Amino acid sequence: MKKYLLIGGAGFIGINFADALLSRGDEVTVFDNFSRKGTEININWLKSAYKRGLVVVRGDIRSDFEILKKLAEEHDVIHHLAAQVAVTTSTANPREDFEINALGTFNVLEAVRLSKRKPMLIYASTNKVYGGMDEVKIAEKKDKYDYKDIEGISEKQPLDFHSPYGCSKGAGDQYVRDYSRIYGLKTVVMRQSCIYGPHQFGVEDQGWVAWFIIATILGKDITIYGNGKQVRDVLHVRDLFELWDIAEKNATRSSGKAYNVGGGPKESTSLLAFLAYLEKISGNKIPLKFSDWRPGDQPVYISDISKVKKDLGWKPATKKEKGFTELYEWALKNKEVLRKALS
């Protein structure tokens, strides 16, 4: 049995991970400020499912440093998931974005550095640290964008922070790596692509897989920013947990590393292809609106996951069609909860 601290643990990734950890007998502390829609619903669901092993701490990584220091002394593994997660929000309020993603991550790292326990830290980064990747050649096809000369983006791709969100997450990404080099902390950076799964209260600005499903079920308007040919690789949340477990168990090999994490080329889809599949499983024609491209949007991003496969022996197990259908069924079952939470 281990003690896990999930910072930002009431979001959809954290709540699913907490469920997995508690179900196998580990102890979990969820630290969250509950500012995001759906987090209160998520934590109430978790509390109803587990009467033992769960502790919930309300706090903010920007201001509650003393609480973070205390928690770092009490836990074996920390997963840092707290973040401002939308590019659009970061451009509207760059100071808040910086304070949450850069300063907040610095506070987490300092809490770990100053602790005697020195827990392992796994940081949820983003593919946005690579920016627009203007030098990568892209082909526009009938229904999607694709790379001309490569299958996916590897960790050798130069960092090029684009948008305040890219800058703030990128700063956190590099701080986490450097604290491993300079202070010998056990840290791993996961540059995650599009993660999806149950308990995801997706909105238009973030969590597009869940948002399109929720909008379809609730009859809300769907706007495509650009032409819909944008391509992303997608990864089911349970496959992400498997990787986190493997990285933790192989800390000697994974510490100090940064990994591109996603479904890879086989589990990629364009927005238009996803919506076509959603029409199939819902049995409804989905009306679409189109608008201008949003700042910092990449026409295509597909993770090259060969490094993490080689180092840790991990690869995704959930096929996107199965994962999409599971998420649709969860959202349909929780239709009124979603309507209330996102109203």
Protein backbone atom coordinates (compact mmCIF):
# COMPACT_ATOMS: atom_id res chain seq x y z
CA MET A 1 0.00 0.00 0.00
CA LYS A 2 1.27 3.44 -0.95
CA LYS A 3 0.16 6.99 -0.24
CA TYR A 4 -0.63 9.07 -3.32
CA LEU A 5 -1.17 12.82 -3.52
CA LEU A 6 -3.18 13.92 -6.56
CA ILE A 7 -2.82 17.66 -7.01
CA GLY A 8 -5.75 18.82 -9.10
CA GLY A 9 -7.18 15.41 -8.36
CA ALA A 10 -10.88 16.31 -8.69
CA GLY A 11 -10.61 16.77 -12.44
CA PHE A 12 -11.54 13.91 -14.72
CA ILE A 13 -8.04 12.41 -14.95
CA GLY A 14 -7.45 12.67 -11.23
CA ILE A 15 -10.84 11.28 -10.23
CA ASN A 16 -10.43 8.24 -12.48
CA PHE A 17 -6.91 7.64 -11.17
CA ALA A 18 -8.08 8.01 -7.57
CA ASP A 19 -10.78 5.42 -8.26
CA ALA A 20 -8.20 2.99 -9.65
CA LEU A 21 -5.81 3.51 -6.72
CA LEU A 22 -8.46 3.21 -4.02
CA SER A 23 -9.91 0.08 -5.61
CA ARG A 24 -6.57 -1.68 -5.22
CA GLY A 25 -6.11 -0.60 -1.61
CA ASP A 26 -3.84 2.43 -1.83
CA GLU A 27 -4.44 5.64 0.13
CA VAL A 28 -5.24 8.80 -1.81
CA THR A 29 -5.27 12.48 -0.94
CA VAL A 30 -7.01 14.75 -3.43
CA PHE A 31 -5.81 18.37 -3.30
CA ASP A 32 -7.95 20.73 -5.40
CA ASN A 33 -9.42 24.22 -5.34
CA PHE A 34 -12.63 22.97 -7.03
CA SER A 35 -12.80 25.89 -9.44
CA ARG A 36 -13.58 23.79 -12.50
CA LYS A 37 -17.13 22.77 -13.34
CA GLY A 38 -17.85 19.18 -12.46
CA THR A 39 -15.17 18.79 -9.79
CA GLU A 40 -17.65 18.90 -6.90
CA ILE A 41 -19.74 16.24 -8.64
CA ASN A 42 -16.65 14.12 -9.22
CA ILE A 43 -15.48 14.25 -5.62
CA ASN A 44 -18.95 13.50 -4.25
CA TRP A 45 -19.09 10.43 -6.51
CA LEU A 46 -15.69 9.30 -5.22
CA LYS A 47 -16.69 9.86 -1.57
CA SER A 48 -19.84 7.80 -2.06
CA ALA A 49 -17.82 4.94 -3.54
CA TYR A 50 -15.06 4.83 -0.89
CA LYS A 51 -15.53 5.24 2.84
CA ARG A 52 -11.89 4.58 3.68
CA GLY A 53 -8.52 5.58 2.22
CA LEU A 54 -9.61 8.92 0.77
CA VAL A 55 -8.69 12.36 2.10
CA VAL A 56 -9.83 15.57 0.42
CA VAL A 57 -7.92 18.82 0.97
CA ARG A 58 -9.20 22.10 -0.43
CA GLY A 59 -6.37 24.38 -1.39
CA ASP A 60 -4.65 26.29 -4.15
CA ILE A 61 -1.15 25.63 -5.50
CA ARG A 62 -0.62 29.38 -5.92
CA SER A 63 -1.13 30.35 -2.30
CA ASP A 64 -1.12 27.30 -0.03
CA PHE A 65 2.58 26.48 -0.01
CA GLU A 66 2.65 25.44 3.66
CA ILE A 67 -0.09 22.90 3.01
CA LEU A 68 1.84 21.56 0.02
CA LYS A 69 4.99 21.18 2.15
CA LYS A 70 3.08 19.21 4.78
CA LEU A 71 1.49 16.96 2.17
CA ALA A 72 4.85 16.30 0.48
CA GLU A 73 6.12 14.89 3.79
CA GLU A 74 3.18 12.51 4.03
CA HIS A 75 3.06 10.88 0.59
CA ASP A 76 5.12 8.45 -1.48
CA VAL A 77 4.07 9.60 -4.97
CA ILE A 78 2.72 12.94 -6.18
CA HIS A 79 0.85 13.41 -9.45
CA HIS A 80 0.72 17.08 -10.40
CA LEU A 81 -2.42 17.51 -12.52
CA ALA A 82 -3.53 21.00 -11.46
CA ALA A 83 -3.51 23.47 -14.32
CA GLN A 84 -5.20 26.17 -16.29
CA VAL A 85 -5.86 24.06 -19.35
CA ALA A 86 -7.23 26.23 -22.18
CA VAL A 87 -5.21 28.20 -24.73
CA THR A 88 -8.12 30.62 -25.18
CA THR A 89 -8.30 31.35 -21.45
CA SER A 90 -4.55 31.91 -21.31
CA THR A 91 -4.71 34.57 -24.02
CA ALA A 92 -7.57 36.32 -22.22
CA ASN A 93 -5.90 36.20 -18.79
CA PRO A 94 -2.18 35.44 -19.15
CA ARG A 95 -1.30 36.47 -15.59
CA GLU A 96 -3.67 33.95 -14.01
CA ASP A 97 -2.46 31.31 -16.46
CA PHE A 98 1.15 31.98 -15.44
CA GLU A 99 0.40 31.96 -11.73
CA ILE A 100 -1.40 28.60 -11.90
CA ASN A 101 0.82 26.74 -14.34
CA ALA A 102 4.28 28.19 -13.76
CA LEU A 103 4.25 29.55 -10.20
CA GLY A 104 1.99 26.74 -9.00
CA THR A 105 4.31 24.09 -10.41
CA PHE A 106 7.31 25.84 -8.84
CA ASN A 107 5.55 25.68 -5.48
CA VAL A 108 4.92 21.95 -5.89
CA LEU A 109 8.56 21.35 -6.78
CA GLU A 110 9.81 23.36 -3.82
CA ALA A 111 7.54 21.41 -1.50
CA VAL A 112 9.07 18.18 -2.79
CA ARG A 113 12.64 19.54 -2.65
CA LEU A 114 12.28 20.73 0.94
CA SER A 115 10.70 17.51 2.17
CA LYS A 116 12.66 14.75 3.88
CA ARG A 117 10.53 12.10 2.21
CA LYS A 118 11.38 13.19 -1.37
CA PRO A 119 8.30 11.64 -3.03
CA MET A 120 8.33 10.80 -6.72
CA LEU A 121 6.67 13.50 -8.85
CA ILE A 122 4.89 12.82 -12.14
CA TYR A 123 3.96 15.99 -14.02
CA ALA A 124 1.15 16.23 -16.57
CA SER A 125 2.62 18.40 -19.33
CA THR A 126 1.26 19.00 -22.83
CA ASN A 127 2.13 18.70 -26.51
CA LYS A 128 1.69 22.48 -26.69
CA VAL A 129 5.31 22.84 -25.52
CA TYR A 130 6.28 22.18 -29.16
CA GLY A 131 4.38 25.20 -30.45
CA GLY A 132 3.30 25.55 -34.06
CA MET A 133 6.12 23.37 -35.48
CA ASP A 134 6.17 25.47 -38.63
CA GLU A 135 9.17 23.59 -40.02
CA VAL A 136 7.32 20.25 -39.98
CA LYS A 137 5.90 19.59 -43.43
CA ILE A 138 2.15 19.01 -43.51
CA ALA A 139 -0.11 17.73 -46.28
CA GLU A 140 -3.77 18.75 -46.55
CA LYS A 141 -5.86 15.83 -47.71
CA LYS A 142 -9.54 15.49 -48.52
CA ASP A 143 -10.71 15.01 -44.95
CA LYS A 144 -7.64 15.56 -42.75
CA TYR A 145 -4.17 16.99 -42.30
CA ASP A 146 -1.19 14.66 -42.10
CA TYR A 147 2.57 14.79 -41.78
CA LYS A 148 4.51 14.48 -45.02
CA ASP A 149 7.80 13.02 -43.83
CA ILE A 150 7.16 11.61 -40.34
CA GLU A 151 4.55 9.56 -38.50
CA GLY A 152 4.59 11.59 -35.30
CA ILE A 153 6.37 14.16 -33.17
CA SER A 154 9.21 12.79 -31.05
CA GLU A 155 10.95 14.26 -28.02
CA LYS A 156 13.71 15.45 -30.38
CA GLN A 157 11.35 18.12 -31.69
CA PRO A 158 12.64 21.52 -30.48
CA LEU A 159 10.60 23.17 -27.76
CA ASP A 160 8.89 26.31 -29.04
CA PHE A 161 6.37 27.61 -26.54
CA HIS A 162 3.43 29.20 -28.37
CA SER A 163 0.60 31.02 -26.56
CA PRO A 164 0.67 31.98 -22.88
CA TYR A 165 -0.57 28.46 -22.09
CA GLY A 166 2.31 26.90 -23.99
CA CYS A 167 4.74 29.20 -22.17
CA SER A 168 3.40 28.53 -18.68
CA LYS A 169 3.13 24.76 -19.12
CA GLY A 170 6.49 24.71 -20.86
CA ALA A 171 8.08 26.56 -17.95
CA GLY A 172 6.66 23.98 -15.57
CA ASP A 173 7.82 21.16 -17.85
CA GLN A 174 11.40 22.42 -17.84
CA TYR A 175 11.44 23.19 -14.12
CA VAL A 176 10.35 19.62 -13.37
CA ARG A 177 13.12 18.22 -15.54
CA ASP A 178 15.74 20.52 -14.07
CA TYR A 179 14.81 19.77 -10.46
CA SER A 180 15.64 16.17 -11.26
CA ARG A 181 19.05 17.17 -12.67
CA ILE A 182 19.99 19.75 -10.04
CA TYR A 183 18.42 18.35 -6.87
CA GLY A 184 18.22 14.64 -7.70
CA LEU A 185 14.44 14.46 -7.38
CA LYS A 186 12.57 11.57 -8.93
CA THR A 187 10.48 13.35 -11.56
CA VAL A 188 8.88 12.35 -14.85
CA VAL A 189 7.34 14.70 -17.41
CA MET A 190 4.43 13.34 -19.44
CA ARG A 191 3.78 15.50 -22.53
CA GLN A 192 0.24 14.35 -22.99
CA SER A 193 -1.85 14.57 -26.10
CA CYS A 194 -5.67 14.36 -26.01
CA ILE A 195 -6.74 12.30 -22.99
CA TYR A 196 -10.39 11.32 -22.73
CA GLY A 197 -12.67 9.16 -20.58
CA PRO A 198 -15.56 9.09 -18.10
CA HIS A 199 -16.16 11.91 -15.62
CA GLN A 200 -14.84 14.40 -18.17
CA PHE A 201 -16.93 17.56 -18.10
CA GLY A 202 -15.58 18.80 -21.41
CA VAL A 203 -16.28 22.35 -22.57
CA GLU A 204 -15.78 24.09 -25.87
CA ASP A 205 -12.32 25.39 -24.97
CA GLN A 206 -10.94 22.17 -23.55
CA GLY A 207 -11.67 18.45 -23.68
CA TRP A 208 -12.99 18.38 -27.23
CA VAL A 209 -13.78 14.65 -27.38
CA ALA A 210 -16.02 14.87 -24.32
CA TRP A 211 -17.41 18.26 -25.38
CA PHE A 212 -18.60 17.04 -28.79
CA ILE A 213 -20.26 14.04 -27.15
CA ILE A 214 -21.90 16.11 -24.41
CA ALA A 215 -23.04 18.78 -26.87
CA THR A 216 -24.58 16.13 -29.11
CA ILE A 217 -26.48 14.52 -26.23
CA LEU A 218 -27.67 17.86 -24.80
CA GLY A 219 -28.52 19.38 -28.17
CA LYS A 220 -25.99 22.21 -27.86
CA ASP A 221 -24.39 24.00 -30.81
CA ILE A 222 -21.05 22.68 -32.01
CA THR A 223 -18.64 25.12 -33.62
CA ILE A 224 -15.59 23.96 -35.56
CA TYR A 225 -12.76 26.48 -35.42
CA GLY A 226 -10.96 25.99 -38.71
CA ASN A 227 -12.05 23.44 -41.29
CA GLY A 228 -12.37 20.33 -39.12
CA LYS A 229 -9.45 18.56 -40.77
CA GLN A 230 -7.34 19.06 -37.65
CA VAL A 231 -5.89 15.75 -36.47
CA ARG A 232 -4.98 14.65 -32.93
CA ASP A 233 -3.97 11.37 -31.41
CA VAL A 234 -6.21 10.35 -28.53
CA LEU A 235 -5.57 8.22 -25.46
CA HIS A 236 -8.07 6.66 -23.07
CA VAL A 237 -7.49 7.64 -19.47
CA ARG A 238 -7.02 4.05 -18.27
CA ASP A 239 -4.09 3.60 -20.65
CA LEU A 240 -2.54 6.73 -19.16
CA PHE A 241 -2.81 5.19 -15.68
CA GLU A 242 -1.06 2.06 -16.83
CA LEU A 243 1.85 4.19 -18.05
CA TRP A 244 2.00 6.14 -14.81
CA ASP A 245 2.18 2.88 -12.88
CA ILE A 246 4.95 1.54 -15.09
CA ALA A 247 6.93 4.80 -14.80
CA GLU A 248 6.61 4.68 -11.01
CA LYS A 249 7.70 1.05 -10.78
CA ASN A 250 10.69 1.80 -13.04
CA ALA A 251 11.70 5.07 -11.38
CA THR A 252 15.41 4.46 -11.93
CA ARG A 253 14.82 4.35 -15.67
CA SER A 254 12.12 7.01 -15.96
CA SER A 255 13.38 9.69 -13.57
CA GLY A 256 14.53 12.88 -15.25
CA LYS A 257 12.89 11.89 -18.54
CA ALA A 258 10.22 13.59 -20.62
CA TYR A 259 7.92 11.42 -22.70
CA ASN A 260 5.47 12.17 -25.47
CA VAL A 261 2.30 10.37 -24.45
CA GLY A 262 -0.72 9.72 -26.63
CA GLY A 263 -2.39 7.14 -28.77
CA GLY A 264 0.16 7.53 -31.55
CA PRO A 265 -0.59 7.30 -35.28
CA LYS A 266 -2.94 4.32 -34.96
CA GLU A 267 -5.18 6.12 -32.48
CA SER A 268 -5.45 9.46 -34.25
CA THR A 269 -8.50 11.10 -35.78
CA SER A 270 -9.57 14.29 -37.45
CA LEU A 271 -12.40 16.31 -35.95
CA LEU A 272 -14.56 15.53 -38.98
CA ALA A 273 -13.90 11.78 -38.72
CA PHE A 274 -14.70 11.80 -35.02
CA LEU A 275 -17.96 13.66 -35.61
CA ALA A 276 -18.89 11.17 -38.34
CA TYR A 277 -18.36 8.33 -35.86
CA LEU A 278 -20.38 10.22 -33.25
CA GLU A 279 -23.26 10.52 -35.74
CA LYS A 280 -23.07 6.75 -36.24
CA ILE A 281 -23.26 5.81 -32.56
CA SER A 282 -25.82 8.48 -31.67
CA GLY A 283 -28.02 7.89 -34.70
CA ASN A 284 -28.35 11.66 -35.18
CA LYS A 285 -27.16 14.10 -37.80
CA ILE A 286 -24.97 16.68 -36.07
CA PRO A 287 -25.36 20.27 -37.32
CA LEU A 288 -22.08 22.16 -37.40
CA LYS A 289 -21.03 25.79 -37.43
CA PHE A 290 -17.62 26.91 -38.66
CA SER A 291 -15.51 29.83 -37.46
CA ASP A 292 -11.94 31.15 -37.75
CA TRP A 293 -8.95 29.19 -36.53
CA ARG A 294 -8.02 29.79 -32.90
CA PRO A 295 -4.57 31.11 -31.92
CA GLY A 296 -1.96 28.40 -31.39
CA ASP A 297 -4.06 25.63 -32.91
CA GLN A 298 -1.96 22.96 -34.63
CA PRO A 299 -3.36 21.56 -37.92
CA VAL A 300 -2.03 18.17 -36.88
CA TYR A 301 -0.43 16.76 -33.78
CA ILE A 302 0.36 13.07 -33.46
CA SER A 303 2.66 11.75 -30.76
CA ASP A 304 5.62 9.58 -31.62
CA ILE A 305 5.48 7.21 -28.64
CA SER A 306 8.44 5.05 -29.62
CA LYS A 307 10.64 6.40 -26.79
CA VAL A 308 8.21 5.49 -24.03
CA LYS A 309 7.64 2.10 -25.68
CA LYS A 310 11.38 1.45 -25.74
CA ASP A 311 12.14 2.73 -22.24
CA LEU A 312 9.12 1.39 -20.36
CA GLY A 313 7.53 -1.22 -22.60
CA TRP A 314 4.19 0.63 -22.68
CA LYS A 315 1.72 1.02 -25.52
CA PRO A 316 -1.97 1.96 -25.66
CA ALA A 317 -4.48 -0.86 -25.33
CA THR A 318 -7.83 0.88 -25.90
CA LYS A 319 -8.97 1.33 -29.49
CA LYS A 320 -10.47 4.74 -30.08
CA GLU A 321 -13.82 3.44 -31.33
CA LYS A 322 -14.31 1.43 -28.14
CA GLY A 323 -13.23 4.34 -25.97
CA PHE A 324 -15.47 6.83 -27.77
CA THR A 325 -18.46 4.52 -27.41
CA GLU A 326 -17.79 4.01 -23.70
CA LEU A 327 -17.59 7.76 -23.12
CA TYR A 328 -20.79 8.31 -25.09
CA GLU A 329 -22.61 5.71 -22.99
CA TRP A 330 -21.32 7.28 -19.76
CA ALA A 331 -22.44 10.75 -20.88
CA LEU A 332 -25.86 9.43 -21.93
CA LYS A 333 -26.30 7.77 -18.53
CA ASN A 334 -25.30 11.01 -16.78
CA LYS A 335 -27.15 13.35 -19.13
CA GLU A 336 -29.00 15.35 -16.46
CA VAL A 337 -25.91 15.61 -14.24
CA LEU A 338 -23.98 17.04 -17.18
CA ARG A 339 -26.79 19.42 -18.07
CA LYS A 340 -26.87 20.80 -14.54
CA ALA A 341 -23.09 21.01 -14.17
CA LEU A 342 -22.50 22.79 -17.47
CA SER A 343 -25.51 25.12 -17.42
